[in-house]
Structures are given as structure tokens and as C-alpha cells.
Amino acid sequence: MDKALARYESIQDTAGMVAAMEDRRDLYLSRGDLEAYLKSCEHLLGLYTILGDSTNIGWELANISLALTNLGHGSEALGYMRRSWRIFEQMGDSTELAFSCIELGRAHRAMGNLDSAFHYAELEVRFMQRRGLGMDLCRAFYHRAEVWEQMHAVDSALADLRRSTACTDTSTLLAASYAAMARLELAAGLLGQAEGHGTTALAMARATGNIQRLHAAASVLASIYVDRGRFQEALEMRTLEMRMGDSLRSDALLRSVDRLSFLQRIYADSLRNADERYSIIRDRDAQLSRERERRNVLLYSAFGLLMITGLVWRQRNKVNKARKRSDELLLNILPSEVAEELKAKGEAEARQIDQVTVLFTDFKGFTEMSEKLTAKELVADIHECFSAFDHIMQKHGIEKIKTIGDAYMAAGGLPTPNTTHALDVVKAALEIRDVIAENKARKVAAGLPYFEIRIGIHTLHPTRQSAGEGQGGDGDVFRYERMSIIRSSILAALTLHAVMSCTAQPEGADTLDAWLARMPSDTVRARGLVERIGVQRFSEFACFELESRLNELLDRIDRSTDPVVKRKGRALRARSLMNRAHHAAWQTNHAVALQYLRSAWGLLKEDATHDEALTYYGMLTQLYFDVGDTARQAQYGLLAMPHARALGDTARLLYHMLEIANAERGHFDLDSIQGLGDRFYRDQESESARKFEWAMAWTLMDEGHYAKALTRLKSSIDRHGDRPNDRDHALNHWTLGETYAKLDSLPQAIAALERAIALATELNSATYVSRERLMLGDVLERSGRGREAEREWLLAAQGLRALHLVEYELDAVESLKDLYAREGRCQDALRMTDRWAVLKDSVAVMNAGKEILRMEFEDQAVADSMASAQRLQREQEQAEARISRERTRRNIFLFSGLGLLVFGVVVFRQRRRIQKALHRSDELLLNILPEEVAEELKAKGHADAKHFDNVTILFTDFKGFTEASEKLSPQELVEELNICFKAFDHIITARGIEKIKTIGDAYMCAGGLPVPSSSTPAGVVQAALEMQAFMIARKKERDAQGKPAFDMRVGIHTGPVVAGIVGVKKFAYDIWGDTVNTASRMESSGEVGQVNISEATYALVKNVVSSQLSVVSDHDSGRTTDNGQPATPAFHFTPRGKVQAKGKGEMEMYFVRSL
């Protein structure tokens, strides 16, 4: 959907944008995301305003009002709805006016303006009576009745509700009306009428299956039955009400989960990109700090050498200055890698770069500006803007590619690839926009013309190289595409700091509100993010983000030579791997979980503790249990057993053993489990033996082996005796009572549970007492002793409520509710039903809180590992810093002595290399800039723009370049362009013509500058004909090979221009003026294989003869040879008449060919 919207925006298809935005708006509405829905409606309102669609403008204003009302912004909602009302009133459509009345009345009711709400309800009724539609009129009366009810006018409200029931036979609407009537009659004390209407509403709601109507009808009927003392029927209605309420809450929960999942996908990429950028910045800062320390030490040591070598440097100063200036100018034109490659090999090869972000700007209305300003004023303004752009690009590390007239092109991610190029380019674009805005404000204040700019950004896979051999061979990027800058992509990357600073769970926090309240003040954005996407999903992101950062720190710790540090590092890394194994197993990715576990054990097995071994073998046992591999489950369960030190660990392992026993009796049975106990607990009087027996009994009972569990429990109690003030002993009696209950030995169960209660009372364990009373009540009720069961349940519920054990209190209250219902005590049953409903909601909230805490504690474990790793890293870095400083001091003396010995040889060789490099840099510089301009730049640091009265400009362009680029690889495409442009370079160099630039597949050169006598218009025309001849021959050669070939158009025009360089970086010699635009129109108005010239150029070359072609000047017009014989014309012209040129109107044009 986003891609479709971006596509429509790029081609400015308003209708397509409307369709895409309507789909997005409906999606947000279905997901319940009102804020996003509101933004979509506002966007659609702007689009409908552009289209002038009054109807949809009114509806979107109404939608905005509805969203604002639901968000609690009643006053703003009223403003939008009034605008919608005025539009619909002008259109005279009663349907839309009625809808506006509904929303205006709703907004006024929400704000408490009942008089205004009643006014719009009256209008709604009038509109619907005029239309005569039953359903709509029914709703209108219902809405007015709601206002009457809020105004406490019960009789009027009942009258309107009766009118609404007479207007339609739709069951859903009638159910709502009858339920409202019953509610009002109940408030007025009319119980008989209320019951009748409530019963009717319930029947209609059941017929339609409308859950909301059923909930409302059951609620009012329950209240009516309570007031009339009919508690059995009230209980039934209250039960129905709670069931319908659960259905409504489930539907709302599903919508919420769906919305959270949708938001998770939106923010995942932003979080990932933000952390990547944070890691890069952090590593860069650390590297800069280390380099700064080394640099300072080296500077102090180099100071002595500089004092000794001062005389030598003075002698070399002149050469160095010249070389430095040449290199600066060269590096200011080409990237350093390309410049070095050109100096080394004489050419630069194309390189494929995986991802590059291209920025392209141009000035809107540049042609009109050029008509208002002189050429020099225009160039000065461009220079000012482009100089500011150059500083911005340099600040963000973006490579300037070229300037193309009034256009400016740059690329991020080359020549050295990086991961932040897209964000850097967007930041630079926003700064460019601010610079242009400041320039505009200054120009407007001075009453001068000003520039307005368009900026496009796109990320693509380009090929970059130096094209051609002549001047203007700067780096070029092909197949760029302009796109709009999307501000949301910038804002999405700003969540980094807040995300990484609030992942840890605060000590003691047990709710989302408490957690958010304890966050530091600088994490406001992250708090909003957590509230929007949910703690569980946020914790998943944070856990893996912290894991990745932990691994970076552990890589550095592994390089330490301290054995203690290395052991701690291995333990931290193993914990990290086990955390990842846990997440992988949770996501049922068992193969990945197994790989993580084995990697963790490889770090720990040499010196693992009992806890670490138990964790490893226990996770493997659980993993193989999940995949059904019982043989390996048994194998690792046996390995884990010696490391089990707690009763819970033993019971958990025995549970896995029994699973194997049930699945594969032939491999592992119950006798083998008992043998396992004898193996590890030979001393039957020890504490470990007692815990093993109890764990075995619990596990057997969980598996349904109640008789065997009973035998083992009785044996254990008899063997170890009655142990007062022993929590485990009390728990054992509780288990014994539960086992008797499972075997239906109810008297024995009662006795065991009463003994367990007595032991728990001695221990002052209110939790055990309450839960044991709950179980005792169940056993007493099964024994037919209902009164005693009721007493135990009431005591259990009282104790559990004091302990805030909501889950167990829910069981006690439910048991009491069912008991009262069976005994016909409906009023007590209804009271317990209300309490049960409250507890059930509390349990749901508590379970959600437990899941949140579980995820938070997992993140806390990773955060603790991160803190330990960071502490170890700091210790290691401090030790490494001390060693590094000592090593640096020692090396200073060694290198100083060695430097003095070889100094003489190095100076001599370096001098020769500098001179050679200076010569090569000058050659390359003169190959890019005219010699006069290059010398002026080296001398003054800048070159002034100059005006030339008579310059002949040549433009070429390849037809079908886009189709050819789709058939050729990027390297083949660049290679073919390079062949053609090299040939063009040789042709114009031979005739003294200055190459200006290449623009993608276009080639531009000019004759008559920078030295006016360097070339003539006839020479430019002759060069154009030679270029066409080369392209025709090249096409024949490519066609014979079955490869794509280019056809070329050429255009030429002569006139005045201003030439010079603009900006402070990537100097390029360029020309400006209307002559340039006209020459471009000559090319675009020409034909393939032809040379199209303007009337101005024709006037200068029409009288040139072939014998004078190499020496003809602007004033030669003779057509006779030296001996008086008629001369042969150099060219043949084909008049084309007046041809329409874009932006120029009709112009005289001529095709020219050589004779």
C-alpha cells in the first residue's frame, strides 16, 4: 500500500493517490488505530480539496470530527463538523445534513451542551420525517430520546422510544429501543412495563444474534428481576450478561492484538536501523579517542625531528606548495580513490557499489531568473548557493558528483560504502532546504529575485567511473530517478537513544504503569513507543538488540590474557547463547536452539558449575521432549540428575523420565526410575533421599498413578516420621490428602487435609492454610457435607482475599456460587456471581501482567550480562591502555634513532617522488580544467567567471539509451559510453574545442573559449560531422556482432555565454546563458544521424570553403581560391524552415553535412 502511494505521488496521479489513501484509511479504522486514521483522513481532505470534490470533502470533515470525538477532542470535533454542515447545506442534500446532525449532537452531548445537542436531534428528526425512511427515522427518535434521558425528561424519552418502535420492523433497532425503554421504566419504578419491554428486547436480540444487544437486554432484565425478588431468573440473566461481556472483550482483545502486530512491523525496521547507526557512532568515537591518544604521543616525538630537519624543509617548501595545491585542486574535482587510480594507471576502472543514495536538486523557474538577472549576477547567485551545498555535503561525508547548469548532484555511500548513507543524504537535503529558505527570505527583504528548489532522493545500485579521456571526466552516476522526500522515514530513525536506555526492568516494578513511571526523563519517546506497541513485543526487540551489543563486547573480552577475565567472559557468552536457545525453542525453532546449546556447552564444559550443567542438560531434556526424541530425552535426563540440588529440579527431571516411561516402556520404565533413585540416594535417611521420594510421589500423581503415589507417600512419611514445623512435611500431608481424594477415599482425604491445615497453622503459613481449606471444602462437598464445605470455602475465600491470591479466591467463589445455585439460594448465588465476575477480570489482568513480567525479567538477565561485560571491558581497556602507553614510549626512542639514520636517504627519494607526483597531478588537472583556469585557481584559490561574446556550443544525445541500458549490464553500458566519449575527446582535441561535461549519455563541448581564437564555428560543425561518422561506423560494427548500438542526435548554436566555476568543492568548468538552452533545443529538435544547427551558426559557416576549413575565422566570408577560381563549399545545408522548439517557439534550423 505504501509502495503504491509512493508510486502515485512520484507520477502526481491524484486519483490513484486518493484510492490508495482510502484503502490505508479503512485499514487503520479496522485495526482501531484512531490516530493513524485521523492523519489519513486529513491527507484525503487535502486531496479532495485539490480535486474540488465537495461531497467527499464534507464526508472527510465528518470522519475527522468522528475520530476527534472518539479521541476526546470535542471542541475540535465541533469545528470540523460545522464545516461539514455548511458544505452539505450548500449542496441541499438532506441525507448528508442528517448525518451531520447526528455527529454534531454526539459531540455536544460529549461536551455536556445538552441544549445544542437537543437542537440538532430535533433537526435530525425533521430531516428524516421529510425523507420518510423508517430505519433512519427510528434512529433519529432514538437519538433524541438519548438527549431527553440526559436531560432527565423520562416521559419525553419514553415517548420518542415508542415512536421509534413504530417506525421500523428491523429487529436490531427494535431491540435497542426496547432495551432503552426498559432501562428508563426501571428507573421510573414501572417494573411491570420494564420487564415486558426487556423481555421483548432479549427475544429480538437473540433472533438477530447481536451480542451487544443481548448484553444490554440481559443487564437491564437482571436488575429488574433483582428488584422484583426473582433471584433465580436474575442469576440466569447475570450469567448471560457476563457471557456476552466476555465475547465483547474477546473481540476487543483480538482487535488490540492485531493492532499491536501491525505496529510491530512498522517499528521493527526503525529500531534496527537506529541501533546500527548508534553502533557505528559509538565505534567511531572509540576509534577517534584511541587515534587522538596515539597522535598526541607521536606529535611530541616528532617535534624533535622537525627541529632537526627545518633547513631541509625550507628548501623543499616551494616544490611542496606547488604539489599540494595541484593535489588539492585535483582532489577537489575527483574522489581521492579515483584520483590515485588515475595517477597510477592513467585510467579508472568502473566499480560496482552495492547501494548508493543519490541526491538531485534543481532550481524552479531558472529560465525566468536568467531573464531578470545579468549573466554575472546569475552566476554569482548560483556560486553562493552551490558553495553552501558543498559545505553541507562535506559535513555529512557525501560525495559531490557534478553540477549540471542549475542542477546539483551528489551521492552518499561512495566511493567508500557505508551503512548510513541514506540517512546522511536526507539530513543534507533538509539542510539544503533551510539554506534556500534563508536565502529566499533575505532576497525578498531586499526586493530581489530569489531561487526556489526541488530536491529528489533515491537509493539505487549504480556503476561509477571516470568517463572519457578529455576534460569534464568527473565521476558520473547513471539511471538516477527523482523521488519525493518522505519525512516519516527521517522521524522513524530518532528512537535509538530511548530504546536502548529503557530495556531493563526496574527492581520491584510489577505493572506497566510502575515500570513506565520509573524510566529516566530522557526516555519520553521510548515510553510512547512501549505504550503503542506493547511491552511484550518491545521486550522481544530489546532482548535481541542487547544480545547483539553484548556479543560485540564479549569479542573484545575474549582477547584478554587474564584467565579470570576470560572465564567470566566465557560464562557471559554461554549465558547469552542459552538465552538465544530459549527464544529459539519458544518459537519452535528446535534446530537453532540445539546449535546454540551446544555452542554454550563448548564454552562451559571444562569448568562448569552444578547450576550451569543442570541448566544445559535440563534444556536439552526439554528440547528432545518437545521434538519427541525419547531416547535422547532419557539420556540427558540421566546426565542432569547428579546436578539436581533442589526438590523442584528433581521433580521436573522425574517428570521427563515418566513421560519416557509412558511413551516407551521397553526403553525406560518405572523400575528404572526407582533404580535411578537408589543410584543417587543410597542413604535412605538423608534429606536428598526424602526429597527424591516426595518428588517421585508428586510426579506419579501428576501422571495419574495415584495408587503408586499413595504407597510412596505413606512409605516416606512412615520412614521419616512426623516432623512438626517442617514446611516440606506439611506439604507432603497436603499431597497425601489430594491423592486420597483422587482415589475417592474421602474420609482419609479429610483426615490428611485437616492434619495438613494443623501443620500449616503451626508454621503460620496463611497461604497453605487457605489453599488446603479450599481443597478440604471440595472433599467435604463430595462427601455430602455441604454446610461444612460452605464454611471451609468461606474461610478459604476470606484468607485468599487477604493474601491477594486472586486465582485461588476465584476457585473458592465459583464453588460457593455453584453450591448456592444447587441449593436454590438464588440471592446468595447472585452475590457470588457478581464477585466471581470481578475476580475473573482480575485474573485476566494478572495473567497479562505475568507475561509482561516474564518478558521483562528475560530482558533484565540480558541487561545484567551487558553490565558485567561492560565492566570487564573497561577493566581490560584500562590494562591495554597502560601497556600501549609503555610500548609507545619505548618505540619513540627506537624510531627516533632509526629515523635519523635513514633521514638523508628518505629525503632524497621523497623529493624525487614529489616532483614526479607534481608532474602527474598537473597533467591530470590540465586534463580536467582549461590551462588558464587551472593556473588561476592555483595562483588565487578561485577563478572569476568571464563573458564570451561568440561561443559555439555542441550537444549530443543517444536515442534509445534507456532501452539499450536494459539490455546491457552496467559494466557493458559504461564501457560502450567510454569508447564513444574517448573518440569524441580525440575529435574535439584535434580542433581546439573545449569539452565542458558529460551528462549521463549526453556530451557537451564548446568552441571559442577559454581562448576565443582556439577554435571556430566551422571547426565545431566539422567535429560534429566527424562524431556522426564515427557513430554510424560504430553502429554497423555493433549490428554485425548482434549487440545493441546507439543512434545519435547533434545540435549546435552560437551566441554569448558566461563561463567559469561555481562552488567550493568538485570544481567543474561550466557555461551559462540562453545560448546553452538554445543549443540543447537544437539537439532535442534534431533527428538521428543528422547535425542540426541554428540560424546564428548557419550565418557564420555558410560561406566557409573546404580549403579554408582549418584556418577560417569568424570574419572570413569569401568563396574564391587564391588564384581566383570558385572555391568548393565545405558544407551542404538543408533548410528545415521554422521548427517548434520547447520553450523557444519557432526557430529557423538547418541540417548540415560535409561535401
Foldseek 3Di string as FASTA:
>chain_A
DVVQLQVCVQVVPLVSNLVVLVVVLVVCVLLVVLVSNLVSLVVNLVSCVVVVPLVSNLVSLQVNLVSCVVVPNLVVSLVSLVVSCVSCVVVVDLVSNLSSLLSNLSSCVSVVVLVSNLVSLVVNLVSCVVVLQLQSNLVSLQSNLVSCVVVVVLVSSLVSLVVSCVRDDQLVSLLVSLLVNLQSCVVVVVLVSSLVSLVSSCVSCVVVVPLVSNLSSLVSNLVSCVVVVVLLSSLVSLVSNLVSVVVVVVVVVVSNQVQLVVVLVVQLVLQVLLLVVVVVVVVVVVVVVVVVVLVVLVVVLCVVVCVVCVVVCVVCVVLVLLLVLLVVVVCLAAPPVQVVCCLVPVFKAKDWFAKKKKKKKAWPPLVVVPVVDDQQVSQVQLQVLQQVLVVLCVVLVWAWFDADFRMTMIMFQPPPGDDCRVLSVLVSVVVSQVVQVVQVVVCVVVVHDGTDMDMFMDMDTWMWTQFAQFAFRTIATFDDRGGDDDVVVNVSNPQHVLLQQQLAADPPDQFLVSSLVPGDPVNPVVNVVCVSNHLQSSLVSNQVSLLVVLVVLLVLQCPDPDPVSNLLSLQLQLVSLQLVLVVCVVVVVLVSSVVSLVVSCVSAVVPHALVRLLSSLVVQLVSCVVVVNLVVNVVSLLVNVLSDDDLVSLLVSVLSLVVSCVVCVPPGHPVNVVVSLCVNCVPCQDPVNLSNLLSNLVSCVVVPVLVVSLVSLVVSCVVHDQDALDPVSLVSLLVNLVSCVSVVVLVSSLVSLVVSLVRCVSNVNLVSNLLSLQVNLVSCVVVVNNVSSLVSLVVSLVSCVVVVVLVSNLSSLVVVLVSCVVVVVSVSNSVSSVVNSVSVVVVVVSVVSVSSVVSSVSSNVSVVSSVVSVVSSVVSVVVVVVVVVVVSVVVSVVVVVVCVVCVVVVSVVVSVVSVSSSVSSVVVVCSHDPPVQSVCCSVPVFDRKDKDFKKKKKKKAWPCLVVQPVVDDSSVSSVVLSVLSNVLSVLCVVAQWAWAHAHRRMTMIMACPPPNPSHALLSVVVSVQVSLVVQVVVCVVCVVVVGDGTWMFMFMEIGMWIWGFHHNGSTGIHIDDVRVVVRVQQRVQTDTSWYKYFPRSCVQQVQAAPVCSNPDHSPDRDQADPVGHGGHRQKDKDWPAWDQTPPPGTGTMITIHGD
